[in-house]
Amino acid sequence: MHHTIITNCSSRKRDIGVEPLLPSLPESGGIKDLLKAWLEQIHSSQVRVAPLDLYQGRSIAECRLAARLTEAEFYIVSAGLGLVSANDQVPNYSLTISEGTGSLQRWLSEQGATSKEWWKELSDAMGTPVPISRLVNSQSSNSRVLIALPSSYMEMIAADLALVSRNQVETVRIFTSHAGGKHVPSTLKSAVMPYDERLEGVANHGGTRADFPQRALKHFIVHLHAQELPLEDAKSQVCAAMSASFKPIIPTRMKTQDEQIAKLIRTNWIRCEGSASKLLRFLRDDANVACEQSRFSGIWRGVKEEHSSKQGEMHA
């Protein structure tokens, strides 16, 4: 049986020796003007690497494992590049519809536009209109397309997914959060695997909201071996697995400003060896501070630059 895995790009990217491309957001002109300028940046980039040599983080790692185990084709939904094959070559860039560096969220809102419109215009400009539905519709009946996306990306590609043929629904398995499920087109609701917060109670499968879809995909393949089951049988397997687990008790954490979080990171930098994962765990477990991972990553990078600058001055 042929398998295809589709997931989203990650904000964490490997240092490939060049600064990431950042969108220059125009105050007026709309999506087409931004897209024209962005594509000029993309096409002028000389340094390119394979996507899986650029994207980092747990979400990508979980899908790489799933792809290796199923010998699947691997595709990545990128708000900056469209639908990218693992065999493509891509530049270093930072453009996303999630929060963080290079985010289009606020700009799109100010323009009265949506991420769906951005995806359509981007895909058309790349010469690949509705790339996801075209990919799914091109698969044989003896195939599986496993889609693992968070809510922001599911919302962005919703109109594209809505064009998946009804005859192909049986071949699709969707992994997303409860919020992401709300953006799945009605024709594909039955393809959503019924994972929920009880996944956090499964050994070695706890994590962040951002990587929930990919953790669910990994569990589906590694532990349930359900990728080749008929649709309803696969859903039954997931329901049984969730019934055997428990929703963990999530501690209430304090909300605080970026600068206060940066101060905590600076104070505990040496103690945590500058490790992003150790500092995030310190914030959540010891300082009891709420900080979403993408937000933390941006603050951590800022402190890291400060620390590197001070180290340079000391050795000058």
C-alpha atoms as a PDB file:
ATOM      1  CA  MET A   1       0.000   0.000   0.000  1.00  0.00           C
ATOM      2  CA  HIS A   2       1.284   3.449  -0.940  1.00  0.00           C
ATOM      3  CA  HIS A   3       1.478   6.098   1.807  1.00  0.00           C
ATOM      4  CA  THR A   4       1.746   9.886   1.676  1.00  0.00           C
ATOM      5  CA  ILE A   5       2.328  12.079   4.731  1.00  0.00           C
ATOM      6  CA  ILE A   6       1.488  15.795   4.735  1.00  0.00           C
ATOM      7  CA  THR A   7       2.451  18.016   7.659  1.00  0.00           C
ATOM      8  CA  ASN A   8       3.302  21.666   8.300  1.00  0.00           C
ATOM      9  CA  CYS A   9       6.658  23.407   8.303  1.00  0.00           C
ATOM     10  CA  SER A  10       8.275  24.380  11.600  1.00  0.00           C
ATOM     11  CA  SER A  11       9.467  27.725  12.942  1.00  0.00           C
ATOM     12  CA  ARG A  12      12.681  26.058  14.086  1.00  0.00           C
ATOM     13  CA  LYS A  13      15.146  25.912  11.223  1.00  0.00           C
ATOM     14  CA  ARG A  14      18.729  24.733  10.959  1.00  0.00           C
ATOM     15  CA  ASP A  15      21.467  27.328  10.486  1.00  0.00           C
ATOM     16  CA  ILE A  16      22.543  26.858   6.867  1.00  0.00           C
ATOM     17  CA  GLY A  17      24.906  29.827   6.830  1.00  0.00           C
ATOM     18  CA  VAL A  18      22.564  32.510   5.480  1.00  0.00           C
ATOM     19  CA  GLU A  19      20.063  34.767   7.200  1.00  0.00           C
ATOM     20  CA  PRO A  20      16.431  33.724   6.733  1.00  0.00           C
ATOM     21  CA  LEU A  21      14.313  35.656   4.260  1.00  0.00           C
ATOM     22  CA  LEU A  22      11.681  37.784   6.018  1.00  0.00           C
ATOM     23  CA  PRO A  23       8.554  39.248   4.425  1.00  0.00           C
ATOM     24  CA  SER A  24       8.436  43.010   3.996  1.00  0.00           C
ATOM     25  CA  LEU A  25       4.829  43.727   4.920  1.00  0.00           C
ATOM     26  CA  PRO A  26       3.401  46.677   2.904  1.00  0.00           C
ATOM     27  CA  GLU A  27       1.049  49.086   4.647  1.00  0.00           C
ATOM     28  CA  SER A  28      -1.239  49.001   1.626  1.00  0.00           C
ATOM     29  CA  GLY A  29      -1.615  47.086  -1.616  1.00  0.00           C
ATOM     30  CA  GLY A  30      -2.868  43.803  -0.252  1.00  0.00           C
ATOM     31  CA  ILE A  31      -1.868  40.196  -0.766  1.00  0.00           C
ATOM     32  CA  LYS A  32      -0.840  40.466  -4.419  1.00  0.00           C
ATOM     33  CA  ASP A  33       1.739  43.189  -3.719  1.00  0.00           C
ATOM     34  CA  LEU A  34       3.167  41.279  -0.759  1.00  0.00           C
ATOM     35  CA  LEU A  35       3.238  38.078  -2.791  1.00  0.00           C
ATOM     36  CA  LYS A  36       5.033  39.724  -5.714  1.00  0.00           C
ATOM     37  CA  ALA A  37       7.776  41.049  -3.431  1.00  0.00           C
ATOM     38  CA  TRP A  38       8.007  37.754  -1.548  1.00  0.00           C
ATOM     39  CA  LEU A  39       8.402  35.660  -4.691  1.00  0.00           C
ATOM     40  CA  GLU A  40      11.176  37.978  -5.880  1.00  0.00           C
ATOM     41  CA  GLN A  41      12.996  37.258  -2.609  1.00  0.00           C
ATOM     42  CA  ILE A  42      12.429  33.514  -2.938  1.00  0.00           C
ATOM     43  CA  HIS A  43      13.589  33.309  -6.542  1.00  0.00           C
ATOM     44  CA  SER A  44      16.700  35.419  -5.888  1.00  0.00           C
ATOM     45  CA  SER A  45      17.918  33.171  -3.069  1.00  0.00           C
ATOM     46  CA  GLN A  46      21.081  31.334  -4.091  1.00  0.00           C
ATOM     47  CA  VAL A  47      21.470  28.986  -1.105  1.00  0.00           C
ATOM     48  CA  ARG A  48      18.969  26.119  -1.031  1.00  0.00           C
ATOM     49  CA  VAL A  49      18.722  22.861   0.862  1.00  0.00           C
ATOM     50  CA  ALA A  50      16.366  19.891   1.132  1.00  0.00           C
ATOM     51  CA  PRO A  51      13.382  20.751   3.394  1.00  0.00           C
ATOM     52  CA  LEU A  52      14.251  18.031   5.893  1.00  0.00           C
ATOM     53  CA  ASP A  53      17.738  19.543   6.207  1.00  0.00           C
ATOM     54  CA  LEU A  54      16.140  22.888   7.085  1.00  0.00           C
ATOM     55  CA  TYR A  55      13.101  22.227   9.270  1.00  0.00           C
ATOM     56  CA  GLN A  56      13.717  21.114  12.843  1.00  0.00           C
ATOM     57  CA  GLY A  57      11.630  20.368  15.923  1.00  0.00           C
ATOM     58  CA  ARG A  58       9.557  17.537  17.295  1.00  0.00           C
ATOM     59  CA  SER A  59       6.689  17.891  14.844  1.00  0.00           C
ATOM     60  CA  ILE A  60       9.018  17.264  11.905  1.00  0.00           C
ATOM     61  CA  ALA A  61      10.905  14.506  13.732  1.00  0.00           C
ATOM     62  CA  GLU A  62       7.708  12.576  14.506  1.00  0.00           C
ATOM     63  CA  CYS A  63       6.577  12.728  10.881  1.00  0.00           C
ATOM     64  CA  ARG A  64      10.020  11.735   9.591  1.00  0.00           C
ATOM     65  CA  LEU A  65       9.829   8.622  11.753  1.00  0.00           C
ATOM     66  CA  ALA A  66       6.315   7.850  10.520  1.00  0.00           C
ATOM     67  CA  ALA A  67       7.415   8.369   6.907  1.00  0.00           C
ATOM     68  CA  ARG A  68      10.410   6.079   7.350  1.00  0.00           C
ATOM     69  CA  LEU A  69       8.328   3.304   8.892  1.00  0.00           C
ATOM     70  CA  THR A  70       5.700   3.443   6.149  1.00  0.00           C
ATOM     71  CA  GLU A  71       8.082   4.324   3.292  1.00  0.00           C
ATOM     72  CA  ALA A  72       5.810   7.278   2.637  1.00  0.00           C
ATOM     73  CA  GLU A  73       6.197  10.225   0.316  1.00  0.00           C
ATOM     74  CA  PHE A  74       6.649  13.307   2.483  1.00  0.00           C
ATOM     75  CA  TYR A  75       5.105  16.739   1.820  1.00  0.00           C
ATOM     76  CA  ILE A  76       5.207  19.921   3.869  1.00  0.00           C
ATOM     77  CA  VAL A  77       2.610  22.687   3.932  1.00  0.00           C
ATOM     78  CA  SER A  78       4.515  25.978   4.016  1.00  0.00           C
ATOM     79  CA  ALA A  79       2.898  29.392   4.244  1.00  0.00           C
ATOM     80  CA  GLY A  80       5.974  30.774   2.502  1.00  0.00           C
ATOM     81  CA  LEU A  81       6.505  28.210  -0.247  1.00  0.00           C
ATOM     82  CA  GLY A  82       3.219  26.350  -0.764  1.00  0.00           C
ATOM     83  CA  LEU A  83       3.148  22.553  -0.782  1.00  0.00           C
ATOM     84  CA  VAL A  84       6.759  21.380  -0.690  1.00  0.00           C
ATOM     85  CA  SER A  85       8.022  17.875  -1.443  1.00  0.00           C
ATOM     86  CA  ALA A  86      10.819  16.438   0.691  1.00  0.00           C
ATOM     87  CA  ASN A  87      12.718  16.090  -2.604  1.00  0.00           C
ATOM     88  CA  ASP A  88      12.595  19.827  -3.356  1.00  0.00           C
ATOM     89  CA  GLN A  89      15.277  22.413  -2.632  1.00  0.00           C
ATOM     90  CA  VAL A  90      14.211  25.419  -0.537  1.00  0.00           C
ATOM     91  CA  PRO A  91      15.767  28.654   0.751  1.00  0.00           C
ATOM     92  CA  ASN A  92      16.086  29.631   4.402  1.00  0.00           C
ATOM     93  CA  TYR A  93      13.073  31.788   5.266  1.00  0.00           C
ATOM     94  CA  SER A  94      10.748  32.901   8.057  1.00  0.00           C
ATOM     95  CA  LEU A  95       7.152  33.390   6.934  1.00  0.00           C
ATOM     96  CA  THR A  96       4.266  31.786   8.773  1.00  0.00           C
ATOM     97  CA  ILE A  97       0.583  32.157   9.544  1.00  0.00           C
ATOM     98  CA  SER A  98       1.240  30.994  13.112  1.00  0.00           C
ATOM     99  CA  GLU A  99       2.585  33.313  15.796  1.00  0.00           C
ATOM    100  CA  GLY A 100       6.283  34.143  15.797  1.00  0.00           C
ATOM    101  CA  THR A 101       8.929  35.730  13.583  1.00  0.00           C
ATOM    102  CA  GLY A 102       7.659  36.391  10.071  1.00  0.00           C
ATOM    103  CA  SER A 103       4.012  35.902  11.042  1.00  0.00           C
ATOM    104  CA  LEU A 104       1.338  37.150   8.639  1.00  0.00           C
ATOM    105  CA  GLN A 105      -1.475  36.909  11.202  1.00  0.00           C
ATOM    106  CA  ARG A 106      -1.719  40.561  12.211  1.00  0.00           C
ATOM    107  CA  TRP A 107      -0.993  41.882   8.715  1.00  0.00           C
ATOM    108  CA  LEU A 108      -3.702  39.738   7.119  1.00  0.00           C
ATOM    109  CA  SER A 109      -6.171  40.877   9.770  1.00  0.00           C
ATOM    110  CA  GLU A 110      -5.321  44.534   9.127  1.00  0.00           C
ATOM    111  CA  GLN A 111      -5.824  43.949   5.396  1.00  0.00           C
ATOM    112  CA  GLY A 112      -9.208  42.338   5.996  1.00  0.00           C
ATOM    113  CA  ALA A 113      -7.816  39.159   4.407  1.00  0.00           C
ATOM    114  CA  THR A 114      -7.588  35.541   5.530  1.00  0.00           C
ATOM    115  CA  SER A 115      -4.988  32.792   5.503  1.00  0.00           C
ATOM    116  CA  LYS A 116      -7.231  30.904   3.030  1.00  0.00           C
ATOM    117  CA  GLU A 117      -6.882  33.774   0.572  1.00  0.00           C
ATOM    118  CA  TRP A 118      -3.128  33.834   1.104  1.00  0.00           C
ATOM    119  CA  TRP A 119      -2.872  30.086   0.419  1.00  0.00           C
ATOM    120  CA  LYS A 120      -4.892  30.386  -2.782  1.00  0.00           C
ATOM    121  CA  GLU A 121      -2.854  33.313  -4.108  1.00  0.00           C
ATOM    122  CA  LEU A 122       0.445  31.696  -3.095  1.00  0.00           C
ATOM    123  CA  SER A 123      -0.423  28.339  -4.675  1.00  0.00           C
ATOM    124  CA  ASP A 124      -1.632  29.993  -7.876  1.00  0.00           C
ATOM    125  CA  ALA A 125       1.549  32.085  -8.068  1.00  0.00           C
ATOM    126  CA  MET A 126       3.664  28.960  -7.577  1.00  0.00           C
ATOM    127  CA  GLY A 127       1.882  27.366 -10.527  1.00  0.00           C
ATOM    128  CA  THR A 128       0.235  24.704  -8.339  1.00  0.00           C
ATOM    129  CA  PRO A 129      -3.421  25.655  -7.723  1.00  0.00           C
ATOM    130  CA  VAL A 130      -5.151  23.673  -4.944  1.00  0.00           C
ATOM    131  CA  PRO A 131      -2.058  21.451  -4.549  1.00  0.00           C
ATOM    132  CA  ILE A 132      -3.303  19.345  -1.643  1.00  0.00           C
ATOM    133  CA  SER A 133      -6.616  18.257  -3.158  1.00  0.00           C
ATOM    134  CA  ARG A 134      -4.859  17.592  -6.460  1.00  0.00           C
ATOM    135  CA  LEU A 135      -2.328  15.388  -4.681  1.00  0.00           C
ATOM    136  CA  VAL A 136      -5.009  13.473  -2.775  1.00  0.00           C
ATOM    137  CA  ASN A 137      -7.216  13.060  -5.827  1.00  0.00           C
ATOM    138  CA  SER A 138      -4.296  11.642  -7.804  1.00  0.00           C
ATOM    139  CA  GLN A 139      -3.857   8.709  -5.394  1.00  0.00           C
ATOM    140  CA  SER A 140      -5.143   5.218  -6.167  1.00  0.00           C
ATOM    141  CA  SER A 141      -7.812   3.598  -4.009  1.00  0.00           C
ATOM    142  CA  ASN A 142      -5.063   1.380  -2.583  1.00  0.00           C
ATOM    143  CA  SER A 143      -3.319   4.261  -0.811  1.00  0.00           C
ATOM    144  CA  ARG A 144      -3.349   6.305   2.383  1.00  0.00           C
ATOM    145  CA  VAL A 145      -2.853  10.048   2.711  1.00  0.00           C
ATOM    146  CA  LEU A 146      -2.085  10.953   6.318  1.00  0.00           C
ATOM    147  CA  ILE A 147      -2.483  14.673   7.063  1.00  0.00           C
ATOM    148  CA  ALA A 148      -1.143  16.055  10.368  1.00  0.00           C
ATOM    149  CA  LEU A 149      -1.774  19.781  10.779  1.00  0.00           C
ATOM    150  CA  PRO A 150      -2.520  22.201  13.651  1.00  0.00           C
ATOM    151  CA  SER A 151      -5.603  24.411  13.552  1.00  0.00           C
ATOM    152  CA  SER A 152      -3.920  27.464  11.975  1.00  0.00           C
ATOM    153  CA  TYR A 153      -2.707  25.435   9.004  1.00  0.00           C
ATOM    154  CA  MET A 154      -5.931  23.450   8.754  1.00  0.00           C
ATOM    155  CA  GLU A 155      -7.794  26.736   8.491  1.00  0.00           C
ATOM    156  CA  MET A 156      -5.402  27.998   5.816  1.00  0.00           C
ATOM    157  CA  ILE A 157      -5.849  24.982   3.505  1.00  0.00           C
ATOM    158  CA  ALA A 158      -9.552  24.336   4.224  1.00  0.00           C
ATOM    159  CA  ALA A 159     -10.802  25.541   0.827  1.00  0.00           C
ATOM    160  CA  ASP A 160      -8.148  23.423  -0.893  1.00  0.00           C
ATOM    161  CA  LEU A 161      -9.132  20.320   1.117  1.00  0.00           C
ATOM    162  CA  ALA A 162     -12.798  20.897   0.296  1.00  0.00           C
ATOM    163  CA  LEU A 163     -12.016  19.922  -3.303  1.00  0.00           C
ATOM    164  CA  VAL A 164     -10.963  16.389  -2.356  1.00  0.00           C
ATOM    165  CA  SER A 165     -13.203  13.973  -4.232  1.00  0.00           C
ATOM    166  CA  ARG A 166     -15.800  12.103  -2.171  1.00  0.00           C
ATOM    167  CA  ASN A 167     -14.417   8.928  -3.716  1.00  0.00           C
ATOM    168  CA  GLN A 168     -11.074   9.634  -2.033  1.00  0.00           C
ATOM    169  CA  VAL A 169     -12.359  10.144   1.531  1.00  0.00           C
ATOM    170  CA  GLU A 170     -11.696   6.494   2.431  1.00  0.00           C
ATOM    171  CA  THR A 171      -7.998   7.008   1.633  1.00  0.00           C
ATOM    172  CA  VAL A 172      -7.546  10.038   3.917  1.00  0.00           C
ATOM    173  CA  ARG A 173      -6.617  10.107   7.618  1.00  0.00           C
ATOM    174  CA  ILE A 174      -6.562  13.513   9.322  1.00  0.00           C
ATOM    175  CA  PHE A 175      -4.760  14.261  12.583  1.00  0.00           C
ATOM    176  CA  THR A 176      -5.500  17.614  14.196  1.00  0.00           C
ATOM    177  CA  SER A 177      -6.696  19.228  17.404  1.00  0.00           C
ATOM    178  CA  HIS A 178     -10.310  19.801  18.406  1.00  0.00           C
ATOM    179  CA  ALA A 179      -9.915  23.392  17.175  1.00  0.00           C
ATOM    180  CA  GLY A 180      -8.400  22.165  13.918  1.00  0.00           C
ATOM    181  CA  GLY A 181     -11.284  19.766  13.393  1.00  0.00           C
ATOM    182  CA  LYS A 182     -13.644  22.719  13.140  1.00  0.00           C
ATOM    183  CA  HIS A 183     -11.886  23.806   9.941  1.00  0.00           C
ATOM    184  CA  VAL A 184     -12.011  20.398   8.247  1.00  0.00           C
ATOM    185  CA  PRO A 185     -14.495  20.502   5.327  1.00  0.00           C
ATOM    186  CA  SER A 186     -17.762  18.657   5.972  1.00  0.00           C
ATOM    187  CA  THR A 187     -16.930  16.114   3.261  1.00  0.00           C
ATOM    188  CA  LEU A 188     -13.820  15.042   5.198  1.00  0.00           C
ATOM    189  CA  LYS A 189     -15.117  15.148   8.789  1.00  0.00           C
ATOM    190  CA  SER A 190     -15.373  11.353   8.797  1.00  0.00           C
ATOM    191  CA  ALA A 191     -11.628  11.113   8.009  1.00  0.00           C
ATOM    192  CA  VAL A 192     -10.591  12.884  11.237  1.00  0.00           C
ATOM    193  CA  MET A 193      -9.007  10.422  13.650  1.00  0.00           C
ATOM    194  CA  PRO A 194     -10.645  10.849  17.110  1.00  0.00           C
ATOM    195  CA  TYR A 195      -7.544  11.732  19.106  1.00  0.00           C
ATOM    196  CA  ASP A 196      -7.992  14.081  22.069  1.00  0.00           C
ATOM    197  CA  GLU A 197      -6.172  15.314  25.174  1.00  0.00           C
ATOM    198  CA  ARG A 198      -6.022  11.778  26.554  1.00  0.00           C
ATOM    199  CA  LEU A 199      -3.051  11.278  24.219  1.00  0.00           C
ATOM    200  CA  GLU A 200      -1.062  13.270  26.812  1.00  0.00           C
ATOM    201  CA  GLY A 201      -1.562  10.376  29.217  1.00  0.00           C
ATOM    202  CA  VAL A 202      -0.019   7.820  26.861  1.00  0.00           C
ATOM    203  CA  ALA A 203       3.590   7.048  27.804  1.00  0.00           C
ATOM    204  CA  ASN A 204       6.129   9.012  25.710  1.00  0.00           C
ATOM    205  CA  HIS A 205       3.380  10.860  23.832  1.00  0.00           C
ATOM    206  CA  GLY A 206       2.932  13.995  25.923  1.00  0.00           C
ATOM    207  CA  GLY A 207       3.944  17.292  24.366  1.00  0.00           C
ATOM    208  CA  THR A 208       2.840  20.755  23.318  1.00  0.00           C
ATOM    209  CA  ARG A 209      -0.298  21.879  21.519  1.00  0.00           C
ATOM    210  CA  ALA A 210       1.821  22.742  18.494  1.00  0.00           C
ATOM    211  CA  ASP A 211       2.977  19.162  17.930  1.00  0.00           C
ATOM    212  CA  PHE A 212      -0.234  17.360  18.937  1.00  0.00           C
ATOM    213  CA  PRO A 213      -1.181  16.348  15.357  1.00  0.00           C
ATOM    214  CA  GLN A 214       2.238  14.847  14.684  1.00  0.00           C
ATOM    215  CA  ARG A 215       2.308  12.986  18.003  1.00  0.00           C
ATOM    216  CA  ALA A 216      -1.097  11.542  17.167  1.00  0.00           C
ATOM    217  CA  LEU A 217       0.146  10.445  13.743  1.00  0.00           C
ATOM    218  CA  LYS A 218       3.148   8.737  15.314  1.00  0.00           C
ATOM    219  CA  HIS A 219       0.943   6.920  17.837  1.00  0.00           C
ATOM    220  CA  PHE A 220      -1.390   5.812  15.032  1.00  0.00           C
ATOM    221  CA  ILE A 221       1.466   4.246  13.077  1.00  0.00           C
ATOM    222  CA  VAL A 222       3.977   3.122  15.718  1.00  0.00           C
ATOM    223  CA  HIS A 223       1.599   1.817  18.393  1.00  0.00           C
ATOM    224  CA  LEU A 224      -1.676   1.048  16.637  1.00  0.00           C
ATOM    225  CA  HIS A 225      -0.270   0.011  13.238  1.00  0.00           C
ATOM    226  CA  ALA A 226      -3.601   1.254  11.948  1.00  0.00           C
ATOM    227  CA  GLN A 227      -2.520   3.035   8.779  1.00  0.00           C
ATOM    228  CA  GLU A 228      -3.756   0.292   6.457  1.00  0.00           C
ATOM    229  CA  LEU A 229      -7.032  -0.435   8.238  1.00  0.00           C
ATOM    230  CA  PRO A 230     -10.369   0.598   6.691  1.00  0.00           C
ATOM    231  CA  LEU A 231     -11.490   4.029   7.858  1.00  0.00           C
ATOM    232  CA  GLU A 232     -14.059   2.994  10.472  1.00  0.00           C
ATOM    233  CA  ASP A 233     -11.797   0.264  11.849  1.00  0.00           C
ATOM    234  CA  ALA A 234      -8.962   2.755  12.217  1.00  0.00           C
ATOM    235  CA  LYS A 235     -11.208   5.168  14.097  1.00  0.00           C
ATOM    236  CA  SER A 236     -12.353   2.358  16.399  1.00  0.00           C
ATOM    237  CA  GLN A 237      -8.743   1.538  17.217  1.00  0.00           C
ATOM    238  CA  VAL A 238      -8.065   5.169  18.136  1.00  0.00           C
ATOM    239  CA  CYS A 239     -11.205   5.368  20.293  1.00  0.00           C
ATOM    240  CA  ALA A 240     -10.145   2.230  22.156  1.00  0.00           C
ATOM    241  CA  ALA A 241      -6.659   3.616  22.758  1.00  0.00           C
ATOM    242  CA  MET A 242      -8.027   6.917  24.060  1.00  0.00           C
ATOM    243  CA  SER A 243     -10.502   5.095  26.323  1.00  0.00           C
ATOM    244  CA  ALA A 244      -7.572   3.278  27.930  1.00  0.00           C
ATOM    245  CA  SER A 245      -5.851   6.566  28.805  1.00  0.00           C
ATOM    246  CA  PHE A 246      -6.713   9.544  31.000  1.00  0.00           C
ATOM    247  CA  LYS A 247      -6.702  13.268  30.442  1.00  0.00           C
ATOM    248  CA  PRO A 248      -3.868  14.683  32.582  1.00  0.00           C
ATOM    249  CA  ILE A 249      -4.445  17.430  35.111  1.00  0.00           C
ATOM    250  CA  ILE A 250      -2.955  20.579  33.637  1.00  0.00           C
ATOM    251  CA  PRO A 251      -1.542  23.017  36.201  1.00  0.00           C
ATOM    252  CA  THR A 252      -2.703  26.628  36.140  1.00  0.00           C
ATOM    253  CA  ARG A 253       0.225  28.820  35.178  1.00  0.00           C
ATOM    254  CA  MET A 254       0.696  32.576  35.479  1.00  0.00           C
ATOM    255  CA  LYS A 255       0.497  34.764  32.394  1.00  0.00           C
ATOM    256  CA  THR A 256       3.275  37.323  32.142  1.00  0.00           C
ATOM    257  CA  GLN A 257       4.914  39.756  29.713  1.00  0.00           C
ATOM    258  CA  ASP A 258       7.724  38.905  27.310  1.00  0.00           C
ATOM    259  CA  GLU A 259      10.279  40.994  29.195  1.00  0.00           C
ATOM    260  CA  GLN A 260       9.547  39.214  32.467  1.00  0.00           C
ATOM    261  CA  ILE A 261      10.007  35.881  30.711  1.00  0.00           C
ATOM    262  CA  ALA A 262      13.256  37.122  29.166  1.00  0.00           C
ATOM    263  CA  LYS A 263      14.463  38.140  32.638  1.00  0.00           C
ATOM    264  CA  LEU A 264      13.747  34.651  33.991  1.00  0.00           C
ATOM    265  CA  ILE A 265      15.623  33.129  31.058  1.00  0.00           C
ATOM    266  CA  ARG A 266      18.630  35.418  31.637  1.00  0.00           C
ATOM    267  CA  THR A 267      18.696  34.656  35.358  1.00  0.00           C
ATOM    268  CA  ASN A 268      18.615  30.898  34.790  1.00  0.00           C
ATOM    269  CA  TRP A 269      20.689  30.744  31.607  1.00  0.00           C
ATOM    270  CA  ILE A 270      23.793  29.201  33.191  1.00  0.00           C
ATOM    271  CA  ARG A 271      21.782  26.904  35.439  1.00  0.00           C
ATOM    272  CA  CYS A 272      19.995  25.466  32.410  1.00  0.00           C
ATOM    273  CA  GLU A 273      23.128  25.564  30.223  1.00  0.00           C
ATOM    274  CA  GLY A 274      21.341  27.822  27.764  1.00  0.00           C
ATOM    275  CA  SER A 275      19.247  24.847  26.645  1.00  0.00           C
ATOM    276  CA  ALA A 276      15.899  25.912  25.158  1.00  0.00           C
ATOM    277  CA  SER A 277      14.177  22.716  26.283  1.00  0.00           C
ATOM    278  CA  LYS A 278      15.542  22.975  29.848  1.00  0.00           C
ATOM    279  CA  LEU A 279      14.619  26.656  30.122  1.00  0.00           C
ATOM    280  CA  LEU A 280      11.088  26.020  28.840  1.00  0.00           C
ATOM    281  CA  ARG A 281      10.659  23.217  31.381  1.00  0.00           C
ATOM    282  CA  PHE A 282      11.990  25.542  34.099  1.00  0.00           C
ATOM    283  CA  LEU A 283       9.456  28.221  33.182  1.00  0.00           C
ATOM    284  CA  ARG A 284       6.556  25.788  33.195  1.00  0.00           C
ATOM    285  CA  ASP A 285       7.507  23.445  36.038  1.00  0.00           C
ATOM    286  CA  ASP A 286       9.518  25.598  38.456  1.00  0.00           C
ATOM    287  CA  ALA A 287       8.502  29.203  37.748  1.00  0.00           C
ATOM    288  CA  ASN A 288       4.911  28.147  36.923  1.00  0.00           C
ATOM    289  CA  VAL A 289       4.782  30.609  34.033  1.00  0.00           C
ATOM    290  CA  ALA A 290       2.591  30.125  30.966  1.00  0.00           C
ATOM    291  CA  CYS A 291       4.495  30.445  27.681  1.00  0.00           C
ATOM    292  CA  GLU A 292       3.482  28.903  24.360  1.00  0.00           C
ATOM    293  CA  GLN A 293       6.416  27.226  22.611  1.00  0.00           C
ATOM    294  CA  SER A 294       6.623  29.467  19.531  1.00  0.00           C
ATOM    295  CA  ARG A 295       6.464  32.559  21.749  1.00  0.00           C
ATOM    296  CA  PHE A 296       9.151  31.122  24.011  1.00  0.00           C
ATOM    297  CA  SER A 297      11.378  30.326  21.022  1.00  0.00           C
ATOM    298  CA  GLY A 298      11.398  33.959  19.917  1.00  0.00           C
ATOM    299  CA  ILE A 299      12.212  35.255  23.404  1.00  0.00           C
ATOM    300  CA  TRP A 300      14.888  32.572  23.905  1.00  0.00           C
ATOM    301  CA  ARG A 301      16.579  33.482  20.617  1.00  0.00           C
ATOM    302  CA  GLY A 302      16.702  37.125  21.684  1.00  0.00           C
ATOM    303  CA  VAL A 303      18.353  36.246  24.995  1.00  0.00           C
ATOM    304  CA  LYS A 304      20.758  33.898  23.217  1.00  0.00           C
ATOM    305  CA  GLU A 305      21.862  36.741  20.938  1.00  0.00           C
ATOM    306  CA  GLU A 306      22.385  38.973  23.985  1.00  0.00           C
ATOM    307  CA  HIS A 307      24.424  36.259  25.679  1.00  0.00           C
ATOM    308  CA  SER A 308      26.539  35.628  22.563  1.00  0.00           C
ATOM    309  CA  SER A 309      27.178  39.363  22.199  1.00  0.00           C
ATOM    310  CA  LYS A 310      28.355  39.662  25.808  1.00  0.00           C
ATOM    311  CA  GLN A 311      30.612  36.638  25.403  1.00  0.00           C
ATOM    312  CA  GLY A 312      32.131  38.252  22.319  1.00  0.00           C
ATOM    313  CA  GLU A 313      32.805  41.493  24.175  1.00  0.00           C
ATOM    314  CA  MET A 314      34.491  39.599  27.013  1.00  0.00           C
ATOM    315  CA  HIS A 315      36.891  37.910  24.581  1.00  0.00           C
ATOM    316  CA  ALA A 316      37.554  41.036  22.535  1.00  0.00           C
END
